[in-house]
Amino acid sequence: MESELLGWPPDGPKLELDYRTFSYAGKFVMTNTGKAVIREEGEVRAAAAFNEDRTEPETLWIRYITTHVEHRGEGLGPRLLAFVRERARGRGYDRVRIAVNNPFAYEACYRAGFAYTGRETGLAELVLETPTKETEERYQEGLDAFRERDLDDAEREFLARKEESDPPDESGRRNG
């Protein structure tokens, strides 16, 4: 599988994804966001859309990340997040942020080197960024924010397994 940067904002390319196999597929046809993908044999397996923060030009926001339904759980999300993060640094961005709305995405971001900032968006998404000075307490604080929400069984089971655990490092292993 190969990672590829398709373009930077504001002149990002359109990326047409099948809405039946990719979440947020409609968001990738916008041309004002940059795009990056992971492909295998020419087929998109994961995609990210991102743009510069309007008030902090040194900050890049990853707005959407999606993985093909048949390839979820294979580590493509964290791999693509790390890829975009490194390309952003190379382009001069000091900080990369993402807002997530579920504990699975939260964990994936940690695997890519992001950490919870303690902030939430107006849409109740948790804001993570890199670089950051991570603490184990902050990791659990973010998980606790999800525990207070109406969750499905899989999310509740996932959070129960993470009780009192250390954050994962970029290899997916637990720190400490």
N, C-alpha and C. Protein backbone atom coordinates (compact mmCIF):
# COMPACT_ATOMS: atom_id res chain seq x y z
N MET A 1 0.84 -1.18 0.00
CA MET A 1 0.00 0.00 0.00
C MET A 1 0.88 1.23 0.00
N GLU A 2 0.45 2.23 -0.74
CA GLU A 2 1.22 3.46 -0.85
C GLU A 2 0.40 4.66 -0.41
N SER A 3 1.05 5.57 0.32
CA SER A 3 0.43 6.83 0.73
C SER A 3 0.77 7.87 -0.33
N GLU A 4 -0.19 8.75 -0.61
CA GLU A 4 0.00 9.75 -1.65
C GLU A 4 -0.70 11.05 -1.26
N LEU A 5 0.02 12.16 -1.38
CA LEU A 5 -0.57 13.47 -1.18
C LEU A 5 -1.10 13.94 -2.53
N LEU A 6 -2.39 14.21 -2.62
CA LEU A 6 -3.00 14.59 -3.89
C LEU A 6 -2.99 16.09 -4.13
N GLY A 7 -2.92 16.89 -3.07
CA GLY A 7 -2.92 18.34 -3.22
C GLY A 7 -3.14 19.03 -1.89
N TRP A 8 -2.74 20.31 -1.85
CA TRP A 8 -2.87 21.15 -0.65
C TRP A 8 -4.04 22.10 -0.81
N PRO A 9 -4.59 22.56 0.32
CA PRO A 9 -5.63 23.58 0.24
C PRO A 9 -4.99 24.91 -0.17
N PRO A 10 -5.67 25.81 -0.82
CA PRO A 10 -7.09 25.73 -1.15
C PRO A 10 -7.36 25.07 -2.49
N ASP A 11 -6.33 24.56 -3.15
CA ASP A 11 -6.48 24.03 -4.51
C ASP A 11 -6.50 22.51 -4.55
N GLY A 12 -7.08 21.91 -3.52
CA GLY A 12 -7.13 20.46 -3.46
C GLY A 12 -8.00 19.87 -4.55
N PRO A 13 -7.66 18.68 -4.96
CA PRO A 13 -8.43 18.02 -6.01
C PRO A 13 -9.74 17.45 -5.48
N LYS A 14 -10.64 17.17 -6.39
CA LYS A 14 -11.84 16.42 -6.03
C LYS A 14 -11.45 14.95 -5.90
N LEU A 15 -12.09 14.28 -4.98
CA LEU A 15 -11.86 12.85 -4.82
C LEU A 15 -13.23 12.21 -4.68
N GLU A 16 -13.60 11.43 -5.65
CA GLU A 16 -14.92 10.80 -5.62
C GLU A 16 -14.82 9.43 -4.98
N LEU A 17 -15.49 9.28 -3.85
CA LEU A 17 -15.52 8.03 -3.10
C LEU A 17 -16.94 7.50 -3.09
N ASP A 18 -17.09 6.22 -3.04
CA ASP A 18 -18.40 5.57 -3.01
C ASP A 18 -19.00 5.74 -1.61
N TYR A 19 -20.13 6.40 -1.52
CA TYR A 19 -20.76 6.66 -0.23
C TYR A 19 -21.18 5.37 0.48
N ARG A 20 -21.29 4.27 -0.25
CA ARG A 20 -21.68 3.00 0.37
C ARG A 20 -20.53 2.32 1.09
N THR A 21 -19.29 2.72 0.76
CA THR A 21 -18.13 2.07 1.37
C THR A 21 -17.23 3.03 2.14
N PHE A 22 -17.46 4.33 2.02
CA PHE A 22 -16.66 5.33 2.73
C PHE A 22 -17.57 6.30 3.47
N SER A 23 -17.35 6.47 4.76
CA SER A 23 -18.04 7.51 5.51
C SER A 23 -17.58 8.88 4.99
N TYR A 24 -18.45 9.87 5.08
CA TYR A 24 -18.13 11.25 4.68
C TYR A 24 -17.73 11.38 3.21
N ALA A 25 -18.12 10.45 2.36
CA ALA A 25 -17.70 10.46 0.96
C ALA A 25 -17.98 11.80 0.27
N GLY A 26 -19.11 12.42 0.57
CA GLY A 26 -19.46 13.69 -0.06
C GLY A 26 -18.53 14.83 0.27
N LYS A 27 -17.83 14.75 1.38
CA LYS A 27 -16.91 15.82 1.79
C LYS A 27 -15.64 15.85 0.94
N PHE A 28 -15.36 14.78 0.23
CA PHE A 28 -14.11 14.70 -0.52
C PHE A 28 -14.21 15.25 -1.93
N VAL A 29 -15.40 15.69 -2.35
CA VAL A 29 -15.53 16.32 -3.66
C VAL A 29 -15.30 17.83 -3.58
N MET A 30 -15.20 18.37 -2.36
CA MET A 30 -14.91 19.80 -2.20
C MET A 30 -13.49 20.06 -2.67
N THR A 31 -13.30 21.19 -3.34
CA THR A 31 -11.97 21.50 -3.88
C THR A 31 -11.17 22.47 -3.02
N ASN A 32 -11.73 22.92 -1.91
CA ASN A 32 -11.00 23.88 -1.07
C ASN A 32 -10.19 23.18 0.02
N THR A 33 -10.16 21.85 0.03
CA THR A 33 -9.37 21.11 1.01
C THR A 33 -8.30 20.30 0.31
N GLY A 34 -7.18 20.11 1.01
CA GLY A 34 -6.16 19.21 0.51
C GLY A 34 -6.62 17.78 0.70
N LYS A 35 -6.00 16.87 -0.01
CA LYS A 35 -6.38 15.46 0.09
C LYS A 35 -5.13 14.59 0.12
N ALA A 36 -5.25 13.48 0.82
CA ALA A 36 -4.21 12.45 0.83
C ALA A 36 -4.93 11.10 0.87
N VAL A 37 -4.31 10.10 0.31
CA VAL A 37 -4.93 8.78 0.26
C VAL A 37 -3.90 7.69 0.52
N ILE A 38 -4.41 6.53 0.86
CA ILE A 38 -3.64 5.30 0.82
C ILE A 38 -4.29 4.45 -0.26
N ARG A 39 -3.47 3.97 -1.19
CA ARG A 39 -3.97 3.14 -2.29
C ARG A 39 -3.31 1.77 -2.24
N GLU A 40 -4.07 0.81 -2.74
CA GLU A 40 -3.53 -0.52 -2.94
C GLU A 40 -4.02 -0.97 -4.31
N GLU A 41 -3.08 -1.33 -5.16
CA GLU A 41 -3.40 -1.74 -6.53
C GLU A 41 -4.30 -0.71 -7.22
N GLY A 42 -4.00 0.56 -6.99
CA GLY A 42 -4.73 1.65 -7.62
C GLY A 42 -6.05 2.02 -6.97
N GLU A 43 -6.50 1.23 -6.01
CA GLU A 43 -7.78 1.48 -5.34
C GLU A 43 -7.56 2.23 -4.03
N VAL A 44 -8.38 3.27 -3.77
CA VAL A 44 -8.29 4.02 -2.53
C VAL A 44 -8.79 3.15 -1.39
N ARG A 45 -7.97 3.03 -0.34
CA ARG A 45 -8.33 2.28 0.86
C ARG A 45 -8.65 3.20 2.04
N ALA A 46 -8.04 4.41 2.04
CA ALA A 46 -8.28 5.41 3.08
C ALA A 46 -8.03 6.78 2.48
N ALA A 47 -8.73 7.79 3.01
CA ALA A 47 -8.59 9.15 2.48
C ALA A 47 -8.67 10.15 3.62
N ALA A 48 -7.97 11.28 3.45
CA ALA A 48 -8.01 12.38 4.42
C ALA A 48 -8.21 13.68 3.66
N ALA A 49 -8.97 14.59 4.27
CA ALA A 49 -9.16 15.94 3.74
C ALA A 49 -8.73 16.92 4.83
N PHE A 50 -8.06 18.00 4.45
CA PHE A 50 -7.50 18.91 5.43
C PHE A 50 -7.43 20.33 4.88
N ASN A 51 -7.39 21.31 5.81
CA ASN A 51 -7.24 22.70 5.41
C ASN A 51 -6.57 23.49 6.53
N GLU A 52 -6.07 24.67 6.15
CA GLU A 52 -5.40 25.56 7.09
C GLU A 52 -6.43 26.20 8.01
N ASP A 53 -6.06 26.39 9.28
CA ASP A 53 -6.92 27.08 10.23
C ASP A 53 -7.06 28.54 9.79
N ARG A 54 -8.27 29.07 9.80
CA ARG A 54 -8.51 30.45 9.35
C ARG A 54 -7.87 31.49 10.26
N THR A 55 -7.74 31.19 11.56
CA THR A 55 -7.20 32.17 12.49
C THR A 55 -5.77 31.87 12.93
N GLU A 56 -5.30 30.67 12.68
CA GLU A 56 -3.92 30.28 13.03
C GLU A 56 -3.28 29.65 11.80
N PRO A 57 -2.69 30.46 10.93
CA PRO A 57 -2.15 29.92 9.68
C PRO A 57 -1.04 28.89 9.85
N GLU A 58 -0.47 28.79 11.04
CA GLU A 58 0.57 27.78 11.28
C GLU A 58 -0.04 26.42 11.66
N THR A 59 -1.37 26.35 11.69
CA THR A 59 -2.07 25.13 12.10
C THR A 59 -2.86 24.54 10.93
N LEU A 60 -2.70 23.24 10.72
CA LEU A 60 -3.46 22.51 9.72
C LEU A 60 -4.49 21.64 10.43
N TRP A 61 -5.72 21.67 9.97
CA TRP A 61 -6.80 20.84 10.51
C TRP A 61 -7.06 19.68 9.56
N ILE A 62 -7.05 18.48 10.08
CA ILE A 62 -7.53 17.33 9.32
C ILE A 62 -9.03 17.30 9.56
N ARG A 63 -9.80 17.53 8.52
CA ARG A 63 -11.24 17.68 8.65
C ARG A 63 -11.97 16.35 8.59
N TYR A 64 -11.54 15.48 7.70
CA TYR A 64 -12.20 14.18 7.54
C TYR A 64 -11.15 13.13 7.25
N ILE A 65 -11.35 11.99 7.83
CA ILE A 65 -10.54 10.83 7.50
C ILE A 65 -11.50 9.65 7.43
N THR A 66 -11.33 8.84 6.41
CA THR A 66 -12.23 7.72 6.21
C THR A 66 -11.47 6.52 5.67
N THR A 67 -11.92 5.36 6.05
CA THR A 67 -11.32 4.11 5.58
C THR A 67 -12.40 3.26 4.93
N HIS A 68 -12.06 2.63 3.83
CA HIS A 68 -13.00 1.74 3.15
C HIS A 68 -13.53 0.72 4.16
N VAL A 69 -14.81 0.48 4.13
CA VAL A 69 -15.48 -0.37 5.12
C VAL A 69 -14.80 -1.75 5.24
N GLU A 70 -14.29 -2.29 4.17
CA GLU A 70 -13.66 -3.62 4.21
C GLU A 70 -12.24 -3.59 4.78
N HIS A 71 -11.71 -2.39 5.02
CA HIS A 71 -10.33 -2.27 5.50
C HIS A 71 -10.22 -1.58 6.86
N ARG A 72 -11.35 -1.38 7.50
CA ARG A 72 -11.32 -0.77 8.84
C ARG A 72 -10.68 -1.75 9.83
N GLY A 73 -9.96 -1.20 10.78
CA GLY A 73 -9.29 -2.02 11.78
C GLY A 73 -7.92 -2.52 11.35
N GLU A 74 -7.46 -2.12 10.16
CA GLU A 74 -6.15 -2.55 9.66
C GLU A 74 -5.04 -1.54 9.94
N GLY A 75 -5.37 -0.45 10.64
CA GLY A 75 -4.36 0.55 10.96
C GLY A 75 -4.14 1.59 9.87
N LEU A 76 -5.02 1.64 8.88
CA LEU A 76 -4.84 2.60 7.80
C LEU A 76 -5.10 4.03 8.25
N GLY A 77 -6.07 4.24 9.14
CA GLY A 77 -6.36 5.58 9.63
C GLY A 77 -5.16 6.20 10.32
N PRO A 78 -4.58 5.52 11.33
CA PRO A 78 -3.39 6.08 11.97
C PRO A 78 -2.22 6.28 10.99
N ARG A 79 -2.07 5.36 10.08
CA ARG A 79 -0.98 5.48 9.08
C ARG A 79 -1.18 6.73 8.23
N LEU A 80 -2.40 6.98 7.78
CA LEU A 80 -2.67 8.15 6.95
C LEU A 80 -2.55 9.44 7.77
N LEU A 81 -3.01 9.42 9.01
CA LEU A 81 -2.85 10.59 9.88
C LEU A 81 -1.38 10.94 10.05
N ALA A 82 -0.54 9.95 10.29
CA ALA A 82 0.90 10.19 10.46
C ALA A 82 1.51 10.72 9.16
N PHE A 83 1.07 10.20 8.04
CA PHE A 83 1.55 10.66 6.75
C PHE A 83 1.23 12.14 6.54
N VAL A 84 -0.02 12.52 6.77
CA VAL A 84 -0.42 13.93 6.62
C VAL A 84 0.33 14.80 7.61
N ARG A 85 0.46 14.34 8.85
CA ARG A 85 1.20 15.09 9.86
C ARG A 85 2.62 15.40 9.40
N GLU A 86 3.31 14.40 8.87
CA GLU A 86 4.70 14.61 8.43
C GLU A 86 4.78 15.53 7.22
N ARG A 87 3.85 15.41 6.30
CA ARG A 87 3.85 16.31 5.13
C ARG A 87 3.54 17.73 5.57
N ALA A 88 2.66 17.90 6.55
CA ALA A 88 2.33 19.24 7.06
C ALA A 88 3.57 19.88 7.71
N ARG A 89 4.29 19.11 8.48
CA ARG A 89 5.53 19.63 9.08
C ARG A 89 6.50 20.07 8.00
N GLY A 90 6.63 19.26 6.96
CA GLY A 90 7.52 19.59 5.86
C GLY A 90 7.09 20.83 5.10
N ARG A 91 5.83 21.15 5.17
CA ARG A 91 5.30 22.34 4.50
C ARG A 91 5.34 23.57 5.42
N GLY A 92 5.78 23.40 6.67
CA GLY A 92 5.95 24.53 7.57
C GLY A 92 4.87 24.71 8.62
N TYR A 93 3.92 23.80 8.69
CA TYR A 93 2.90 23.91 9.74
C TYR A 93 3.50 23.48 11.07
N ASP A 94 3.25 24.27 12.11
CA ASP A 94 3.76 23.97 13.45
C ASP A 94 2.90 22.96 14.18
N ARG A 95 1.64 22.90 13.81
CA ARG A 95 0.67 22.10 14.58
C ARG A 95 -0.34 21.49 13.62
N VAL A 96 -0.78 20.28 13.93
CA VAL A 96 -1.83 19.61 13.17
C VAL A 96 -2.90 19.20 14.17
N ARG A 97 -4.15 19.51 13.85
CA ARG A 97 -5.28 19.20 14.74
C ARG A 97 -6.32 18.36 14.02
N ILE A 98 -7.09 17.65 14.83
CA ILE A 98 -8.23 16.89 14.33
C ILE A 98 -9.26 16.84 15.45
N ALA A 99 -10.53 16.84 15.09
CA ALA A 99 -11.62 16.71 16.07
C ALA A 99 -12.33 15.39 15.78
N VAL A 100 -12.57 14.61 16.83
CA VAL A 100 -13.18 13.28 16.65
C VAL A 100 -14.45 13.15 17.47
N ASN A 101 -15.34 12.27 16.99
CA ASN A 101 -16.63 12.12 17.66
C ASN A 101 -16.88 10.72 18.18
N ASN A 102 -15.85 9.87 18.20
CA ASN A 102 -16.05 8.52 18.74
C ASN A 102 -14.74 7.99 19.31
N PRO A 103 -14.81 7.04 20.24
CA PRO A 103 -13.60 6.55 20.90
C PRO A 103 -12.67 5.78 19.98
N PHE A 104 -13.17 5.18 18.90
CA PHE A 104 -12.30 4.45 17.98
C PHE A 104 -11.39 5.41 17.23
N ALA A 105 -11.95 6.52 16.76
CA ALA A 105 -11.16 7.55 16.08
C ALA A 105 -10.17 8.18 17.06
N TYR A 106 -10.60 8.38 18.28
CA TYR A 106 -9.73 8.94 19.33
C TYR A 106 -8.49 8.07 19.50
N GLU A 107 -8.68 6.78 19.61
CA GLU A 107 -7.55 5.85 19.78
C GLU A 107 -6.66 5.85 18.54
N ALA A 108 -7.26 5.88 17.36
CA ALA A 108 -6.49 5.91 16.12
C ALA A 108 -5.59 7.14 16.08
N CYS A 109 -6.11 8.27 16.53
CA CYS A 109 -5.31 9.50 16.55
C CYS A 109 -4.11 9.37 17.49
N TYR A 110 -4.32 8.75 18.63
CA TYR A 110 -3.20 8.54 19.55
C TYR A 110 -2.13 7.67 18.90
N ARG A 111 -2.54 6.68 18.16
CA ARG A 111 -1.57 5.81 17.48
C ARG A 111 -0.77 6.57 16.43
N ALA A 112 -1.30 7.68 15.97
CA ALA A 112 -0.62 8.50 14.96
C ALA A 112 0.16 9.65 15.60
N GLY A 113 0.26 9.68 16.92
CA GLY A 113 1.05 10.71 17.59
C GLY A 113 0.28 11.95 18.01
N PHE A 114 -1.04 11.91 17.95
CA PHE A 114 -1.87 13.02 18.41
C PHE A 114 -2.24 12.79 19.87
N ALA A 115 -2.62 13.86 20.57
CA ALA A 115 -3.05 13.75 21.96
C ALA A 115 -4.18 14.74 22.22
N TYR A 116 -5.01 14.39 23.17
CA TYR A 116 -6.16 15.20 23.54
C TYR A 116 -5.71 16.52 24.15
N THR A 117 -6.34 17.60 23.71
CA THR A 117 -5.98 18.94 24.19
C THR A 117 -6.78 19.37 25.41
N GLY A 118 -7.85 18.61 25.71
CA GLY A 118 -8.76 19.03 26.77
C GLY A 118 -9.88 19.91 26.26
N ARG A 119 -9.88 20.18 24.96
CA ARG A 119 -10.90 21.04 24.36
C ARG A 119 -11.89 20.21 23.54
N GLU A 120 -13.10 20.76 23.37
CA GLU A 120 -14.11 20.17 22.51
C GLU A 120 -14.61 21.23 21.56
N THR A 121 -15.11 20.79 20.41
CA THR A 121 -15.71 21.72 19.46
C THR A 121 -17.16 21.94 19.88
N GLY A 122 -17.83 22.85 19.19
CA GLY A 122 -19.24 23.09 19.46
C GLY A 122 -20.12 21.91 19.07
N LEU A 123 -19.55 20.95 18.35
CA LEU A 123 -20.28 19.75 17.94
C LEU A 123 -19.97 18.56 18.86
N ALA A 124 -19.40 18.85 20.03
CA ALA A 124 -19.04 17.84 21.02
C ALA A 124 -17.99 16.86 20.52
N GLU A 125 -17.13 17.33 19.61
CA GLU A 125 -16.00 16.53 19.17
C GLU A 125 -14.80 16.88 20.04
N LEU A 126 -13.99 15.89 20.36
CA LEU A 126 -12.78 16.12 21.13
C LEU A 126 -11.66 16.54 20.20
N VAL A 127 -10.91 17.58 20.59
CA VAL A 127 -9.83 18.10 19.76
C VAL A 127 -8.52 17.48 20.20
N LEU A 128 -7.82 16.89 19.23
CA LEU A 128 -6.49 16.33 19.46
C LEU A 128 -5.52 17.08 18.57
N GLU A 129 -4.24 17.12 18.97
CA GLU A 129 -3.24 17.80 18.15
C GLU A 129 -1.88 17.17 18.35
N THR A 130 -1.00 17.56 17.46
CA THR A 130 0.40 17.19 17.53
C THR A 130 1.20 18.37 17.02
N PRO A 131 2.34 18.69 17.58
CA PRO A 131 2.91 18.07 18.77
C PRO A 131 2.19 18.55 20.04
N THR A 132 2.36 17.79 21.09
CA THR A 132 1.75 18.14 22.36
C THR A 132 2.55 17.52 23.48
N LYS A 133 2.36 18.02 24.68
CA LYS A 133 2.96 17.42 25.86
C LYS A 133 1.91 16.52 26.48
N GLU A 134 1.92 15.27 26.09
CA GLU A 134 0.91 14.30 26.52
C GLU A 134 1.11 13.86 27.96
N THR A 135 0.01 13.63 28.62
CA THR A 135 0.03 13.00 29.93
C THR A 135 -0.94 11.84 29.91
N GLU A 136 -0.67 10.83 30.71
CA GLU A 136 -1.57 9.70 30.79
C GLU A 136 -2.94 10.14 31.29
N GLU A 137 -2.97 11.12 32.20
CA GLU A 137 -4.24 11.61 32.72
C GLU A 137 -5.09 12.23 31.62
N ARG A 138 -4.45 12.96 30.72
CA ARG A 138 -5.18 13.61 29.63
C ARG A 138 -5.81 12.55 28.71
N TYR A 139 -5.09 11.45 28.46
CA TYR A 139 -5.63 10.37 27.64
C TYR A 139 -6.92 9.83 28.27
N GLN A 140 -6.89 9.53 29.56
CA GLN A 140 -8.08 9.01 30.23
C GLN A 140 -9.18 10.07 30.31
N GLU A 141 -8.80 11.34 30.43
CA GLU A 141 -9.79 12.43 30.45
C GLU A 141 -10.62 12.42 29.16
N GLY A 142 -9.97 12.21 28.04
CA GLY A 142 -10.69 12.14 26.77
C GLY A 142 -11.60 10.92 26.71
N LEU A 143 -11.11 9.78 27.16
CA LEU A 143 -11.94 8.58 27.19
C LEU A 143 -13.15 8.79 28.11
N ASP A 144 -12.92 9.47 29.25
CA ASP A 144 -14.02 9.77 30.17
C ASP A 144 -15.09 10.64 29.51
N ALA A 145 -14.66 11.56 28.65
CA ALA A 145 -15.63 12.41 27.95
C ALA A 145 -16.56 11.55 27.09
N PHE A 146 -16.02 10.52 26.48
CA PHE A 146 -16.87 9.61 25.70
C PHE A 146 -17.74 8.75 26.60
N ARG A 147 -17.23 8.36 27.75
CA ARG A 147 -18.00 7.51 28.66
C ARG A 147 -19.28 8.18 29.14
N GLU A 148 -19.31 9.50 29.13
CA GLU A 148 -20.49 10.25 29.57
C GLU A 148 -21.56 10.37 28.49
N ARG A 149 -21.32 9.79 27.33
CA ARG A 149 -22.24 9.93 26.20
C ARG A 149 -23.08 8.68 25.99
N ASP A 150 -24.07 8.85 25.15
CA ASP A 150 -24.91 7.72 24.74
C ASP A 150 -24.12 6.92 23.71
N LEU A 151 -23.70 5.71 24.08
CA LEU A 151 -22.83 4.91 23.24
C LEU A 151 -23.48 3.60 22.82
N ASP A 152 -22.98 3.04 21.74
CA ASP A 152 -23.45 1.71 21.37
C ASP A 152 -22.64 0.66 22.14
N ASP A 153 -23.02 -0.59 22.03
CA ASP A 153 -22.37 -1.66 22.79
C ASP A 153 -20.88 -1.76 22.48
N ALA A 154 -20.51 -1.68 21.22
CA ALA A 154 -19.11 -1.80 20.83
C ALA A 154 -18.27 -0.68 21.45
N GLU A 155 -18.81 0.53 21.47
CA GLU A 155 -18.07 1.65 22.08
C GLU A 155 -17.94 1.47 23.59
N ARG A 156 -19.00 1.02 24.25
CA ARG A 156 -18.93 0.79 25.70
C ARG A 156 -17.91 -0.30 26.03
N GLU A 157 -17.91 -1.38 25.26
CA GLU A 157 -16.94 -2.46 25.48
C GLU A 157 -15.52 -1.98 25.25
N PHE A 158 -15.31 -1.20 24.21
CA PHE A 158 -14.00 -0.65 23.92
C PHE A 158 -13.50 0.21 25.08
N LEU A 159 -14.36 1.10 25.56
CA LEU A 159 -13.98 1.99 26.66
C LEU A 159 -13.72 1.20 27.95
N ALA A 160 -14.46 0.14 28.18
CA ALA A 160 -14.23 -0.69 29.36
C ALA A 160 -12.84 -1.32 29.30
N ARG A 161 -12.42 -1.75 28.12
CA ARG A 161 -11.08 -2.34 27.97
C ARG A 161 -9.98 -1.31 28.18
N LYS A 162 -10.27 -0.05 27.94
CA LYS A 162 -9.27 1.02 28.06
C LYS A 162 -9.20 1.63 29.46
N GLU A 163 -10.08 1.21 30.36
CA GLU A 163 -10.09 1.74 31.73
C GLU A 163 -8.70 1.60 32.35
N GLU A 164 -8.15 2.72 32.78
CA GLU A 164 -6.85 2.79 33.46
C GLU A 164 -5.68 2.35 32.60
N SER A 165 -5.84 2.29 31.27
CA SER A 165 -4.72 1.92 30.41
C SER A 165 -3.92 3.15 30.02
N ASP A 166 -2.69 2.93 29.66
CA ASP A 166 -1.83 3.99 29.16
C ASP A 166 -2.19 4.28 27.70
N PRO A 167 -1.86 5.47 27.22
CA PRO A 167 -2.10 5.77 25.81
C PRO A 167 -1.19 4.91 24.94
N PRO A 168 -1.65 4.56 23.72
CA PRO A 168 -0.77 3.81 22.82
C PRO A 168 0.30 4.71 22.26
N ASP A 169 1.44 4.13 21.92
CA ASP A 169 2.44 4.91 21.20
C ASP A 169 2.17 4.75 19.70
N GLU A 170 3.03 5.30 18.88
CA GLU A 170 2.76 5.30 17.45
C GLU A 170 2.83 3.91 16.82
N SER A 171 3.36 2.93 17.53
CA SER A 171 3.37 1.57 17.01
C SER A 171 2.08 0.85 17.38
N GLY A 172 1.25 1.51 18.21
CA GLY A 172 0.01 0.89 18.69
C GLY A 172 0.18 0.20 20.01
N ARG A 173 1.44 0.09 20.48
CA ARG A 173 1.70 -0.52 21.78
C ARG A 173 1.41 0.48 22.87
N ARG A 174 1.20 0.00 24.06
CA ARG A 174 0.97 0.87 25.23
C ARG A 174 2.29 1.46 25.69
N ASN A 175 2.25 2.72 26.07
CA ASN A 175 3.42 3.35 26.69
C ASN A 175 3.53 2.85 28.12
N GLY A 176 4.75 2.94 28.69
CA GLY A 176 4.94 2.62 30.10
C GLY A 176 5.02 1.22 30.35
